[in-house]
Amino acid sequence: MARSNRSRGRAARAREPHPELDIERMTASWRRIEVRGGREWNVQPVSELQAVKPYLCPGCGLEVAPGVAHLVVWRADGVLGDAADLAARRHWHIHCWRIVTQ
């Protein structure tokens, strides 16, 4: 019997497991460590082109709109481990991160 190269559609994709978070991939690009308030924070910039979803900034409570450069920030010294810290990351306006965490 000949093999079909057609897509199997939504039903086949629905059975595939959801990929896990790849911590190394998420933390590999332009990430830096900053110390604020006696704690270490991972700070990773997001360019205008990479910003495709809206988020709420914890500094001002306003939306970080798609297409706006911003920062993704998460604990670098958390006690629950890297996966938990990465899951708790937040998207900040650049100016909010500078002002609120001085």
PDB file of N, CA and C in Angstrom:
ATOM      1  N   MET A   1       0.839  -1.168   0.000  1.00  0.00           N
ATOM      2  CA  MET A   1       0.000   0.000   0.000  1.00  0.00           C
ATOM      3  C   MET A   1       0.890   1.239   0.000  1.00  0.00           C
ATOM      4  N   ALA A   2       0.547   2.229  -0.797  1.00  0.00           N
ATOM      5  CA  ALA A   2       1.329   3.454  -0.915  1.00  0.00           C
ATOM      6  C   ALA A   2       1.122   4.334   0.307  1.00  0.00           C
ATOM      7  N   ARG A   3       2.174   5.036   0.685  1.00  0.00           N
ATOM      8  CA  ARG A   3       2.131   5.926   1.840  1.00  0.00           C
ATOM      9  C   ARG A   3       1.572   7.280   1.422  1.00  0.00           C
ATOM     10  N   SER A   4       0.717   7.835   2.245  1.00  0.00           N
ATOM     11  CA  SER A   4       0.120   9.135   1.963  1.00  0.00           C
ATOM     12  C   SER A   4       0.939  10.221   2.640  1.00  0.00           C
ATOM     13  N   ASN A   5       1.173  11.308   1.934  1.00  0.00           N
ATOM     14  CA  ASN A   5       1.904  12.438   2.499  1.00  0.00           C
ATOM     15  C   ASN A   5       0.966  13.550   2.958  1.00  0.00           C
ATOM     16  N   ARG A   6      -0.309  13.264   3.001  1.00  0.00           N
ATOM     17  CA  ARG A   6      -1.278  14.270   3.423  1.00  0.00           C
ATOM     18  C   ARG A   6      -1.220  14.497   4.928  1.00  0.00           C
ATOM     19  N   SER A   7      -1.570  15.703   5.315  1.00  0.00           N
ATOM     20  CA  SER A   7      -1.670  16.031   6.733  1.00  0.00           C
ATOM     21  C   SER A   7      -2.810  15.230   7.345  1.00  0.00           C
ATOM     22  N   ARG A   8      -2.624  14.820   8.559  1.00  0.00           N
ATOM     23  CA  ARG A   8      -3.662  14.045   9.245  1.00  0.00           C
ATOM     24  C   ARG A   8      -4.691  14.931   9.921  1.00  0.00           C
ATOM     25  N   GLY A   9      -4.447  16.222   9.896  1.00  0.00           N
ATOM     26  CA  GLY A   9      -5.438  17.158  10.404  1.00  0.00           C
ATOM     27  C   GLY A   9      -5.424  17.312  11.907  1.00  0.00           C
ATOM     28  N   ARG A  10      -6.458  17.944  12.384  1.00  0.00           N
ATOM     29  CA  ARG A  10      -6.569  18.312  13.788  1.00  0.00           C
ATOM     30  C   ARG A  10      -6.634  17.104  14.718  1.00  0.00           C
ATOM     31  N   ALA A  11      -7.262  16.038  14.316  1.00  0.00           N
ATOM     32  CA  ALA A  11      -7.408  14.863  15.188  1.00  0.00           C
ATOM     33  C   ALA A  11      -6.055  14.261  15.540  1.00  0.00           C
ATOM     34  N   ALA A  12      -5.149  14.174  14.589  1.00  0.00           N
ATOM     35  CA  ALA A  12      -3.825  13.604  14.865  1.00  0.00           C
ATOM     36  C   ALA A  12      -3.014  14.542  15.753  1.00  0.00           C
ATOM     37  N   ARG A  13      -3.133  15.853  15.509  1.00  0.00           N
ATOM     38  CA  ARG A  13      -2.389  16.809  16.326  1.00  0.00           C
ATOM     39  C   ARG A  13      -2.919  16.855  17.751  1.00  0.00           C
ATOM     40  N   ALA A  14      -4.182  16.611  17.939  1.00  0.00           N
ATOM     41  CA  ALA A  14      -4.787  16.662  19.269  1.00  0.00           C
ATOM     42  C   ALA A  14      -4.228  15.573  20.175  1.00  0.00           C
ATOM     43  N   ARG A  15      -3.789  14.470  19.606  1.00  0.00           N
ATOM     44  CA  ARG A  15      -3.250  13.370  20.408  1.00  0.00           C
ATOM     45  C   ARG A  15      -1.791  13.570  20.781  1.00  0.00           C
ATOM     46  N   GLU A  16      -1.093  14.495  20.106  1.00  0.00           N
ATOM     47  CA  GLU A  16       0.316  14.720  20.416  1.00  0.00           C
ATOM     48  C   GLU A  16       0.431  15.417  21.764  1.00  0.00           C
ATOM     49  N   PRO A  17       1.386  15.019  22.602  1.00  0.00           N
ATOM     50  CA  PRO A  17       1.529  15.664  23.910  1.00  0.00           C
ATOM     51  C   PRO A  17       2.019  17.099  23.759  1.00  0.00           C
ATOM     52  N   HIS A  18       1.612  17.932  24.697  1.00  0.00           N
ATOM     53  CA  HIS A  18       2.043  19.327  24.700  1.00  0.00           C
ATOM     54  C   HIS A  18       3.516  19.386  25.091  1.00  0.00           C
ATOM     55  N   PRO A  19       4.353  20.128  24.355  1.00  0.00           N
ATOM     56  CA  PRO A  19       5.777  20.171  24.690  1.00  0.00           C
ATOM     57  C   PRO A  19       6.012  20.872  26.027  1.00  0.00           C
ATOM     58  N   GLU A  20       6.964  20.382  26.778  1.00  0.00           N
ATOM     59  CA  GLU A  20       7.325  20.981  28.058  1.00  0.00           C
ATOM     60  C   GLU A  20       8.097  22.274  27.823  1.00  0.00           C
ATOM     61  N   LEU A  21       8.149  23.136  28.848  1.00  0.00           N
ATOM     62  CA  LEU A  21       8.952  24.348  28.753  1.00  0.00           C
ATOM     63  C   LEU A  21      10.426  23.967  28.671  1.00  0.00           C
ATOM     64  N   ASP A  22      11.112  24.532  27.717  1.00  0.00           N
ATOM     65  CA  ASP A  22      12.539  24.300  27.580  1.00  0.00           C
ATOM     66  C   ASP A  22      13.266  25.431  28.297  1.00  0.00           C
ATOM     67  N   ILE A  23      13.656  25.184  29.547  1.00  0.00           N
ATOM     68  CA  ILE A  23      14.251  26.218  30.382  1.00  0.00           C
ATOM     69  C   ILE A  23      15.526  26.762  29.760  1.00  0.00           C
ATOM     70  N   GLU A  24      16.360  25.905  29.212  1.00  0.00           N
ATOM     71  CA  GLU A  24      17.607  26.369  28.599  1.00  0.00           C
ATOM     72  C   GLU A  24      17.340  27.303  27.427  1.00  0.00           C
ATOM     73  N   ARG A  25      16.363  26.978  26.588  1.00  0.00           N
ATOM     74  CA  ARG A  25      16.045  27.826  25.443  1.00  0.00           C
ATOM     75  C   ARG A  25      15.496  29.167  25.904  1.00  0.00           C
ATOM     76  N   MET A  26      14.657  29.140  26.937  1.00  0.00           N
ATOM     77  CA  MET A  26      14.050  30.373  27.419  1.00  0.00           C
ATOM     78  C   MET A  26      15.068  31.306  28.071  1.00  0.00           C
ATOM     79  N   THR A  27      16.096  30.739  28.663  1.00  0.00           N
ATOM     80  CA  THR A  27      17.045  31.567  29.402  1.00  0.00           C
ATOM     81  C   THR A  27      18.327  31.842  28.645  1.00  0.00           C
ATOM     82  N   ALA A  28      18.453  31.373  27.416  1.00  0.00           N
ATOM     83  CA  ALA A  28      19.726  31.467  26.707  1.00  0.00           C
ATOM     84  C   ALA A  28      19.981  32.810  26.029  1.00  0.00           C
ATOM     85  N   SER A  29      18.948  33.476  25.539  1.00  0.00           N
ATOM     86  CA  SER A  29      19.193  34.711  24.790  1.00  0.00           C
ATOM     87  C   SER A  29      19.423  35.887  25.721  1.00  0.00           C
ATOM     88  N   TRP A  30      20.017  36.866  25.398  1.00  0.00           N
ATOM     89  CA  TRP A  30      20.406  38.131  26.013  1.00  0.00           C
ATOM     90  C   TRP A  30      20.002  38.318  27.463  1.00  0.00           C
ATOM     91  N   ARG A  31      19.896  37.279  28.197  1.00  0.00           N
ATOM     92  CA  ARG A  31      19.503  37.358  29.610  1.00  0.00           C
ATOM     93  C   ARG A  31      20.661  37.908  30.435  1.00  0.00           C
ATOM     94  N   ARG A  32      20.301  38.712  31.424  1.00  0.00           N
ATOM     95  CA  ARG A  32      21.307  39.218  32.360  1.00  0.00           C
ATOM     96  C   ARG A  32      20.756  39.076  33.774  1.00  0.00           C
ATOM     97  N   ILE A  33      21.629  39.131  34.742  1.00  0.00           N
ATOM     98  CA  ILE A  33      21.236  39.050  36.148  1.00  0.00           C
ATOM     99  C   ILE A  33      21.329  40.461  36.734  1.00  0.00           C
ATOM    100  N   GLU A  34      20.273  40.875  37.428  1.00  0.00           N
ATOM    101  CA  GLU A  34      20.279  42.154  38.140  1.00  0.00           C
ATOM    102  C   GLU A  34      19.935  41.891  39.592  1.00  0.00           C
ATOM    103  N   VAL A  35      20.541  42.659  40.476  1.00  0.00           N
ATOM    104  CA  VAL A  35      20.236  42.550  41.905  1.00  0.00           C
ATOM    105  C   VAL A  35      19.386  43.759  42.265  1.00  0.00           C
ATOM    106  N   ARG A  36      18.190  43.497  42.733  1.00  0.00           N
ATOM    107  CA  ARG A  36      17.257  44.557  43.136  1.00  0.00           C
ATOM    108  C   ARG A  36      16.618  44.134  44.449  1.00  0.00           C
ATOM    109  N   GLY A  37      16.608  45.027  45.405  1.00  0.00           N
ATOM    110  CA  GLY A  37      15.964  44.734  46.686  1.00  0.00           C
ATOM    111  C   GLY A  37      16.587  43.551  47.402  1.00  0.00           C
ATOM    112  N   GLY A  38      17.887  43.318  47.198  1.00  0.00           N
ATOM    113  CA  GLY A  38      18.569  42.216  47.856  1.00  0.00           C
ATOM    114  C   GLY A  38      18.320  40.854  47.220  1.00  0.00           C
ATOM    115  N   ARG A  39      17.639  40.824  46.074  1.00  0.00           N
ATOM    116  CA  ARG A  39      17.358  39.567  45.376  1.00  0.00           C
ATOM    117  C   ARG A  39      17.951  39.608  43.980  1.00  0.00           C
ATOM    118  N   GLU A  40      18.251  38.446  43.452  1.00  0.00           N
ATOM    119  CA  GLU A  40      18.752  38.344  42.080  1.00  0.00           C
ATOM    120  C   GLU A  40      17.594  38.065  41.138  1.00  0.00           C
ATOM    121  N   TRP A  41      17.590  38.771  39.999  1.00  0.00           N
ATOM    122  CA  TRP A  41      16.537  38.642  38.998  1.00  0.00           C
ATOM    123  C   TRP A  41      17.139  38.371  37.642  1.00  0.00           C
ATOM    124  N   ASN A  42      16.553  37.459  36.896  1.00  0.00           N
ATOM    125  CA  ASN A  42      16.872  37.278  35.484  1.00  0.00           C
ATOM    126  C   ASN A  42      16.084  38.321  34.719  1.00  0.00           C
ATOM    127  N   VAL A  43      16.752  39.060  33.851  1.00  0.00           N
ATOM    128  CA  VAL A  43      16.100  40.096  33.060  1.00  0.00           C
ATOM    129  C   VAL A  43      16.423  39.815  31.603  1.00  0.00           C
ATOM    130  N   GLN A  44      15.395  39.600  30.808  1.00  0.00           N
ATOM    131  CA  GLN A  44      15.574  39.273  29.391  1.00  0.00           C
ATOM    132  C   GLN A  44      14.764  40.252  28.548  1.00  0.00           C
ATOM    133  N   PRO A  45      15.434  41.034  27.696  1.00  0.00           N
ATOM    134  CA  PRO A  45      14.698  41.964  26.838  1.00  0.00           C
ATOM    135  C   PRO A  45      13.927  41.239  25.745  1.00  0.00           C
ATOM    136  N   VAL A  46      12.787  41.818  25.377  1.00  0.00           N
ATOM    137  CA  VAL A  46      11.965  41.328  24.278  1.00  0.00           C
ATOM    138  C   VAL A  46      11.843  42.467  23.275  1.00  0.00           C
ATOM    139  N   SER A  47      12.236  42.227  22.035  1.00  0.00           N
ATOM    140  CA  SER A  47      12.193  43.274  21.012  1.00  0.00           C
ATOM    141  C   SER A  47      10.760  43.503  20.533  1.00  0.00           C
ATOM    142  N   GLU A  48      10.591  44.573  19.761  1.00  0.00           N
ATOM    143  CA  GLU A  48       9.271  44.878  19.199  1.00  0.00           C
ATOM    144  C   GLU A  48       8.761  43.735  18.334  1.00  0.00           C
ATOM    145  N   LEU A  49       9.651  43.122  17.577  1.00  0.00           N
ATOM    146  CA  LEU A  49       9.253  42.031  16.680  1.00  0.00           C
ATOM    147  C   LEU A  49       8.883  40.764  17.442  1.00  0.00           C
ATOM    148  N   GLN A  50       9.505  40.537  18.580  1.00  0.00           N
ATOM    149  CA  GLN A  50       9.213  39.343  19.374  1.00  0.00           C
ATOM    150  C   GLN A  50       7.952  39.501  20.220  1.00  0.00           C
ATOM    151  N   ALA A  51       7.532  40.727  20.468  1.00  0.00           N
ATOM    152  CA  ALA A  51       6.389  40.999  21.335  1.00  0.00           C
ATOM    153  C   ALA A  51       5.098  40.829  20.534  1.00  0.00           C
ATOM    154  N   VAL A  52       4.493  39.669  20.626  1.00  0.00           N
ATOM    155  CA  VAL A  52       3.313  39.372  19.809  1.00  0.00           C
ATOM    156  C   VAL A  52       2.023  39.217  20.624  1.00  0.00           C
ATOM    157  N   LYS A  53       2.121  39.217  21.954  1.00  0.00           N
ATOM    158  CA  LYS A  53       0.936  39.049  22.799  1.00  0.00           C
ATOM    159  C   LYS A  53       0.862  40.183  23.806  1.00  0.00           C
ATOM    160  N   PRO A  54      -0.342  40.521  24.254  1.00  0.00           N
ATOM    161  CA  PRO A  54      -0.458  41.546  25.308  1.00  0.00           C
ATOM    162  C   PRO A  54      -0.223  40.920  26.685  1.00  0.00           C
ATOM    163  N   TYR A  55       0.366  41.700  27.578  1.00  0.00           N
ATOM    164  CA  TYR A  55       0.604  41.282  28.960  1.00  0.00           C
ATOM    165  C   TYR A  55       0.259  42.439  29.877  1.00  0.00           C
ATOM    166  N   LEU A  56       0.045  42.169  31.150  1.00  0.00           N
ATOM    167  CA  LEU A  56      -0.143  43.226  32.134  1.00  0.00           C
ATOM    168  C   LEU A  56       1.160  43.447  32.877  1.00  0.00           C
ATOM    169  N   CYS A  57       1.601  44.683  32.915  1.00  0.00           N
ATOM    170  CA  CYS A  57       2.830  45.045  33.614  1.00  0.00           C
ATOM    171  C   CYS A  57       2.541  45.082  35.112  1.00  0.00           C
ATOM    172  N   PRO A  58       3.307  44.357  35.934  1.00  0.00           N
ATOM    173  CA  PRO A  58       3.062  44.392  37.379  1.00  0.00           C
ATOM    174  C   PRO A  58       3.492  45.710  38.017  1.00  0.00           C
ATOM    175  N   GLY A  59       4.286  46.508  37.312  1.00  0.00           N
ATOM    176  CA  GLY A  59       4.738  47.781  37.867  1.00  0.00           C
ATOM    177  C   GLY A  59       3.664  48.843  37.851  1.00  0.00           C
ATOM    178  N   CYS A  60       2.961  48.978  36.725  1.00  0.00           N
ATOM    179  CA  CYS A  60       1.961  50.037  36.588  1.00  0.00           C
ATOM    180  C   CYS A  60       0.539  49.503  36.444  1.00  0.00           C
ATOM    181  N   GLY A  61       0.390  48.209  36.174  1.00  0.00           N
ATOM    182  CA  GLY A  61      -0.936  47.622  36.009  1.00  0.00           C
ATOM    183  C   GLY A  61      -1.545  47.857  34.642  1.00  0.00           C
ATOM    184  N   LEU A  62      -0.794  48.485  33.738  1.00  0.00           N
ATOM    185  CA  LEU A  62      -1.290  48.741  32.390  1.00  0.00           C
ATOM    186  C   LEU A  62      -0.800  47.664  31.436  1.00  0.00           C
ATOM    187  N   GLU A  63      -1.420  47.612  30.267  1.00  0.00           N
ATOM    188  CA  GLU A  63      -1.074  46.594  29.279  1.00  0.00           C
ATOM    189  C   GLU A  63       0.258  46.888  28.603  1.00  0.00           C
ATOM    190  N   VAL A  64       1.057  45.830  28.441  1.00  0.00           N
ATOM    191  CA  VAL A  64       2.220  45.864  27.555  1.00  0.00           C
ATOM    192  C   VAL A  64       1.680  45.356  26.222  1.00  0.00           C
ATOM    193  N   ALA A  65       1.480  46.254  25.287  1.00  0.00           N
ATOM    194  CA  ALA A  65       0.806  45.918  24.034  1.00  0.00           C
ATOM    195  C   ALA A  65       1.716  45.131  23.099  1.00  0.00           C
ATOM    196  N   PRO A  66       1.141  44.345  22.200  1.00  0.00           N
ATOM    197  CA  PRO A  66       1.949  43.679  21.181  1.00  0.00           C
ATOM    198  C   PRO A  66       2.714  44.734  20.364  1.00  0.00           C
ATOM    199  N   GLY A  67       3.945  44.416  20.010  1.00  0.00           N
ATOM    200  CA  GLY A  67       4.763  45.340  19.235  1.00  0.00           C
ATOM    201  C   GLY A  67       5.531  46.334  20.077  1.00  0.00           C
ATOM    202  N   VAL A  68       5.439  46.239  21.412  1.00  0.00           N
ATOM    203  CA  VAL A  68       6.157  47.143  22.304  1.00  0.00           C
ATOM    204  C   VAL A  68       7.315  46.377  22.946  1.00  0.00           C
ATOM    205  N   ALA A  69       8.520  46.918  22.805  1.00  0.00           N
ATOM    206  CA  ALA A  69       9.683  46.304  23.452  1.00  0.00           C
ATOM    207  C   ALA A  69       9.491  46.360  24.965  1.00  0.00           C
ATOM    208  N   HIS A  70       9.857  45.280  25.649  1.00  0.00           N
ATOM    209  CA  HIS A  70       9.692  45.221  27.094  1.00  0.00           C
ATOM    210  C   HIS A  70      10.686  44.228  27.689  1.00  0.00           C
ATOM    211  N   LEU A  71      10.562  43.948  28.975  1.00  0.00           N
ATOM    212  CA  LEU A  71      11.452  43.019  29.675  1.00  0.00           C
ATOM    213  C   LEU A  71      10.637  41.878  30.267  1.00  0.00           C
ATOM    214  N   VAL A  72      11.213  40.687  30.220  1.00  0.00           N
ATOM    215  CA  VAL A  72      10.653  39.543  30.935  1.00  0.00           C
ATOM    216  C   VAL A  72      11.563  39.323  32.140  1.00  0.00           C
ATOM    217  N   VAL A  73      10.960  39.275  33.327  1.00  0.00           N
ATOM    218  CA  VAL A  73      11.732  39.225  34.573  1.00  0.00           C
ATOM    219  C   VAL A  73      11.250  38.061  35.426  1.00  0.00           C
ATOM    220  N   TRP A  74      12.225  37.310  35.990  1.00  0.00           N
ATOM    221  CA  TRP A  74      11.894  36.237  36.920  1.00  0.00           C
ATOM    222  C   TRP A  74      13.039  36.055  37.893  1.00  0.00           C
ATOM    223  N   ARG A  75      12.731  35.450  39.046  1.00  0.00           N
ATOM    224  CA  ARG A  75      13.717  35.276  40.113  1.00  0.00           C
ATOM    225  C   ARG A  75      14.876  34.404  39.657  1.00  0.00           C
ATOM    226  N   ALA A  76      16.067  34.772  40.059  1.00  0.00           N
ATOM    227  CA  ALA A  76      17.245  33.972  39.767  1.00  0.00           C
ATOM    228  C   ALA A  76      17.686  33.184  40.990  1.00  0.00           C
ATOM    229  N   ASP A  77      17.153  33.547  42.144  1.00  0.00           N
ATOM    230  CA  ASP A  77      17.586  32.907  43.385  1.00  0.00           C
ATOM    231  C   ASP A  77      16.418  32.312  44.166  1.00  0.00           C
ATOM    232  N   GLY A  78      15.375  31.915  43.471  1.00  0.00           N
ATOM    233  CA  GLY A  78      14.196  31.358  44.137  1.00  0.00           C
ATOM    234  C   GLY A  78      14.486  30.009  44.773  1.00  0.00           C
ATOM    235  N   VAL A  79      13.753  29.687  45.814  1.00  0.00           N
ATOM    236  CA  VAL A  79      13.972  28.442  46.551  1.00  0.00           C
ATOM    237  C   VAL A  79      13.236  27.247  45.943  1.00  0.00           C
ATOM    238  N   LEU A  80      12.299  27.495  45.034  1.00  0.00           N
ATOM    239  CA  LEU A  80      11.521  26.404  44.459  1.00  0.00           C
ATOM    240  C   LEU A  80      12.130  25.833  43.184  1.00  0.00           C
ATOM    241  N   GLY A  81      13.242  26.411  42.716  1.00  0.00           N
ATOM    242  CA  GLY A  81      13.911  25.881  41.536  1.00  0.00           C
ATOM    243  C   GLY A  81      13.645  26.701  40.285  1.00  0.00           C
ATOM    244  N   ASP A  82      14.445  26.420  39.262  1.00  0.00           N
ATOM    245  CA  ASP A  82      14.391  27.184  38.018  1.00  0.00           C
ATOM    246  C   ASP A  82      13.055  27.083  37.308  1.00  0.00           C
ATOM    247  N   ALA A  83      12.468  25.900  37.277  1.00  0.00           N
ATOM    248  CA  ALA A  83      11.200  25.726  36.558  1.00  0.00           C
ATOM    249  C   ALA A  83      10.091  26.564  37.197  1.00  0.00           C
ATOM    250  N   ALA A  84      10.020  26.581  38.516  1.00  0.00           N
ATOM    251  CA  ALA A  84       8.997  27.373  39.206  1.00  0.00           C
ATOM    252  C   ALA A  84       9.231  28.859  39.010  1.00  0.00           C
ATOM    253  N   ASP A  85      10.501  29.281  39.071  1.00  0.00           N
ATOM    254  CA  ASP A  85      10.812  30.692  38.858  1.00  0.00           C
ATOM    255  C   ASP A  85      10.463  31.124  37.443  1.00  0.00           C
ATOM    256  N   LEU A  86      10.764  30.288  36.466  1.00  0.00           N
ATOM    257  CA  LEU A  86      10.454  30.611  35.067  1.00  0.00           C
ATOM    258  C   LEU A  86       8.946  30.669  34.843  1.00  0.00           C
ATOM    259  N   ALA A  87       8.209  29.797  35.497  1.00  0.00           N
ATOM    260  CA  ALA A  87       6.752  29.806  35.358  1.00  0.00           C
ATOM    261  C   ALA A  87       6.141  31.063  35.973  1.00  0.00           C
ATOM    262  N   ALA A  88       6.837  31.687  36.918  1.00  0.00           N
ATOM    263  CA  ALA A  88       6.339  32.888  37.589  1.00  0.00           C
ATOM    264  C   ALA A  88       6.869  34.170  36.948  1.00  0.00           C
ATOM    265  N   ARG A  89       7.419  34.091  35.761  1.00  0.00           N
ATOM    266  CA  ARG A  89       7.985  35.279  35.113  1.00  0.00           C
ATOM    267  C   ARG A  89       6.892  36.286  34.783  1.00  0.00           C
ATOM    268  N   ARG A  90       7.294  37.552  34.716  1.00  0.00           N
ATOM    269  CA  ARG A  90       6.367  38.638  34.414  1.00  0.00           C
ATOM    270  C   ARG A  90       6.959  39.537  33.348  1.00  0.00           C
ATOM    271  N   HIS A  91       6.077  40.166  32.584  1.00  0.00           N
ATOM    272  CA  HIS A  91       6.475  41.070  31.504  1.00  0.00           C
ATOM    273  C   HIS A  91       6.305  42.507  31.992  1.00  0.00           C
ATOM    274  N   TRP A  92       7.400  43.275  31.996  1.00  0.00           N
ATOM    275  CA  TRP A  92       7.433  44.636  32.512  1.00  0.00           C
ATOM    276  C   TRP A  92       7.704  45.622  31.386  1.00  0.00           C
ATOM    277  N   HIS A  93       7.090  46.820  31.477  1.00  0.00           N
ATOM    278  CA  HIS A  93       7.561  47.936  30.659  1.00  0.00           C
ATOM    279  C   HIS A  93       8.992  48.233  31.104  1.00  0.00           C
ATOM    280  N   ILE A  94       9.829  48.632  30.188  1.00  0.00           N
ATOM    281  CA  ILE A  94      11.227  48.907  30.525  1.00  0.00           C
ATOM    282  C   ILE A  94      11.314  49.996  31.584  1.00  0.00           C
ATOM    283  N   HIS A  95      10.565  51.091  31.413  1.00  0.00           N
ATOM    284  CA  HIS A  95      10.635  52.187  32.380  1.00  0.00           C
ATOM    285  C   HIS A  95      10.063  51.802  33.733  1.00  0.00           C
ATOM    286  N   CYS A  96       9.058  50.943  33.769  1.00  0.00           N
ATOM    287  CA  CYS A  96       8.488  50.494  35.048  1.00  0.00           C
ATOM    288  C   CYS A  96       9.515  49.672  35.839  1.00  0.00           C
ATOM    289  N   TRP A  97      10.239  48.794  35.158  1.00  0.00           N
ATOM    290  CA  TRP A  97      11.257  47.991  35.838  1.00  0.00           C
ATOM    291  C   TRP A  97      12.344  48.892  36.427  1.00  0.00           C
ATOM    292  N   ARG A  98      12.749  49.907  35.674  1.00  0.00           N
ATOM    293  CA  ARG A  98      13.786  50.832  36.150  1.00  0.00           C
ATOM    294  C   ARG A  98      13.301  51.648  37.354  1.00  0.00           C
ATOM    295  N   ILE A  99      12.076  52.126  37.305  1.00  0.00           N
ATOM    296  CA  ILE A  99      11.559  53.011  38.355  1.00  0.00           C
ATOM    297  C   ILE A  99      11.180  52.253  39.621  1.00  0.00           C
ATOM    298  N   VAL A 100      10.405  51.199  39.482  1.00  0.00           N
ATOM    299  CA  VAL A 100       9.831  50.506  40.631  1.00  0.00           C
ATOM    300  C   VAL A 100      10.877  49.740  41.413  1.00  0.00           C
ATOM    301  N   THR A 101      11.890  49.222  40.755  1.00  0.00           N
ATOM    302  CA  THR A 101      12.807  48.321  41.455  1.00  0.00           C
ATOM    303  C   THR A 101      14.151  48.963  41.761  1.00  0.00           C
ATOM    304  N   GLN A 102      14.218  50.267  41.831  1.00  0.00           N
ATOM    305  CA  GLN A 102      15.503  50.915  42.142  1.00  0.00           C
ATOM    306  C   GLN A 102      15.889  50.717  43.579  1.00  0.00           C
TER     307      GLN A 102
END
